[in-house]
Amino acid sequence: MIGVTASTVGFGRGVAGLAALKVTLGAVSARIVGGEPIARGAAFDSDLRALLEALLRTAAEAVSDP
């Protein structure tokens, strides 16, 4: 399981890099959590918190149902 994001000035700036990273990680059958850019600004903390919560939820599911 891998959590991916990009911290960017604007949402659109990290999209291409993350798309390439997802393709690479998909080639090794990685379980990807997240994958959307997190723009610096007012919503940064809540967006980062949501990604971390998704990682924790996914990890708990993996432990419960290997």
C-alpha atoms as a PDB file:
ATOM      1  CA  MET A   1       0.000   0.000   0.000  1.00  0.00           C
ATOM      2  CA  ILE A   2       1.358   3.359  -1.026  1.00  0.00           C
ATOM      3  CA  GLY A   3      -0.055   6.803  -0.350  1.00  0.00           C
ATOM      4  CA  VAL A   4       0.711   9.317  -3.078  1.00  0.00           C
ATOM      5  CA  THR A   5       0.117  13.017  -3.459  1.00  0.00           C
ATOM      6  CA  ALA A   6       1.873  16.143  -4.610  1.00  0.00           C
ATOM      7  CA  SER A   7       2.008  19.337  -2.596  1.00  0.00           C
ATOM      8  CA  THR A   8       1.585  22.071  -5.180  1.00  0.00           C
ATOM      9  CA  VAL A   9       0.827  25.750  -5.525  1.00  0.00           C
ATOM     10  CA  GLY A  10      -2.254  24.876  -7.601  1.00  0.00           C
ATOM     11  CA  PHE A  11      -4.263  21.694  -7.992  1.00  0.00           C
ATOM     12  CA  GLY A  12      -3.521  21.245 -11.699  1.00  0.00           C
ATOM     13  CA  ARG A  13       0.259  21.453 -11.363  1.00  0.00           C
ATOM     14  CA  GLY A  14       0.724  17.996  -9.816  1.00  0.00           C
ATOM     15  CA  VAL A  15      -1.714  16.058 -11.998  1.00  0.00           C
ATOM     16  CA  ALA A  16       0.712  14.981 -14.763  1.00  0.00           C
ATOM     17  CA  GLY A  17       3.444  13.860 -12.377  1.00  0.00           C
ATOM     18  CA  LEU A  18       0.996  11.879 -10.270  1.00  0.00           C
ATOM     19  CA  ALA A  19      -0.460  10.226 -13.372  1.00  0.00           C
ATOM     20  CA  ALA A  20       3.013   9.020 -14.366  1.00  0.00           C
ATOM     21  CA  LEU A  21       3.705   7.832 -10.825  1.00  0.00           C
ATOM     22  CA  LYS A  22       0.423   5.883 -10.742  1.00  0.00           C
ATOM     23  CA  VAL A  23       1.340   4.123 -13.994  1.00  0.00           C
ATOM     24  CA  THR A  24       4.728   3.153 -12.576  1.00  0.00           C
ATOM     25  CA  LEU A  25       3.271   1.929  -9.286  1.00  0.00           C
ATOM     26  CA  GLY A  26       0.513   0.074 -11.137  1.00  0.00           C
ATOM     27  CA  ALA A  27       3.181  -1.855 -13.035  1.00  0.00           C
ATOM     28  CA  VAL A  28       4.321  -3.387  -9.744  1.00  0.00           C
ATOM     29  CA  SER A  29       0.722  -3.969  -8.571  1.00  0.00           C
ATOM     30  CA  ALA A  30       0.967  -1.409  -5.776  1.00  0.00           C
ATOM     31  CA  ARG A  31      -2.217  -0.628  -3.895  1.00  0.00           C
ATOM     32  CA  ILE A  32      -2.449   3.139  -4.313  1.00  0.00           C
ATOM     33  CA  VAL A  33      -4.228   5.360  -1.806  1.00  0.00           C
ATOM     34  CA  GLY A  34      -4.810   8.986  -2.675  1.00  0.00           C
ATOM     35  CA  GLY A  35      -3.312  10.250  -5.862  1.00  0.00           C
ATOM     36  CA  GLU A  36      -4.701  13.748  -6.089  1.00  0.00           C
ATOM     37  CA  PRO A  37      -2.569  16.867  -5.660  1.00  0.00           C
ATOM     38  CA  ILE A  38      -2.924  18.739  -2.396  1.00  0.00           C
ATOM     39  CA  ALA A  39      -2.739  22.459  -3.079  1.00  0.00           C
ATOM     40  CA  ARG A  40      -1.072  24.660  -0.497  1.00  0.00           C
ATOM     41  CA  GLY A  41      -3.564  27.041   1.014  1.00  0.00           C
ATOM     42  CA  ALA A  42      -6.622  27.100   3.226  1.00  0.00           C
ATOM     43  CA  ALA A  43      -7.683  23.490   2.555  1.00  0.00           C
ATOM     44  CA  PHE A  44      -4.178  21.984   2.846  1.00  0.00           C
ATOM     45  CA  ASP A  45      -4.568  20.677   6.406  1.00  0.00           C
ATOM     46  CA  SER A  46      -7.995  19.124   5.823  1.00  0.00           C
ATOM     47  CA  ASP A  47      -6.921  17.574   2.500  1.00  0.00           C
ATOM     48  CA  LEU A  48      -3.787  16.109   4.081  1.00  0.00           C
ATOM     49  CA  ARG A  49      -5.846  14.817   7.030  1.00  0.00           C
ATOM     50  CA  ALA A  50      -8.245  13.122   4.585  1.00  0.00           C
ATOM     51  CA  LEU A  51      -5.327  11.377   2.848  1.00  0.00           C
ATOM     52  CA  LEU A  52      -3.885  10.180   6.152  1.00  0.00           C
ATOM     53  CA  GLU A  53      -7.293   8.918   7.281  1.00  0.00           C
ATOM     54  CA  ALA A  54      -7.677   7.041   3.982  1.00  0.00           C
ATOM     55  CA  LEU A  55      -4.249   5.450   4.501  1.00  0.00           C
ATOM     56  CA  LEU A  56      -5.172   4.357   8.020  1.00  0.00           C
ATOM     57  CA  ARG A  57      -8.548   3.021   6.882  1.00  0.00           C
ATOM     58  CA  THR A  58      -6.943   1.072   4.022  1.00  0.00           C
ATOM     59  CA  ALA A  59      -4.254  -0.337   6.315  1.00  0.00           C
ATOM     60  CA  ALA A  60      -6.887  -1.440   8.848  1.00  0.00           C
ATOM     61  CA  GLU A  61      -8.894  -3.125   6.077  1.00  0.00           C
ATOM     62  CA  ALA A  62      -5.775  -4.917   4.841  1.00  0.00           C
ATOM     63  CA  VAL A  63      -5.063  -6.251   8.326  1.00  0.00           C
ATOM     64  CA  SER A  64      -8.680  -7.346   8.817  1.00  0.00           C
ATOM     65  CA  ASP A  65      -8.990  -8.973   5.413  1.00  0.00           C
ATOM     66  CA  PRO A  66      -5.559 -10.029   4.105  1.00  0.00           C
END
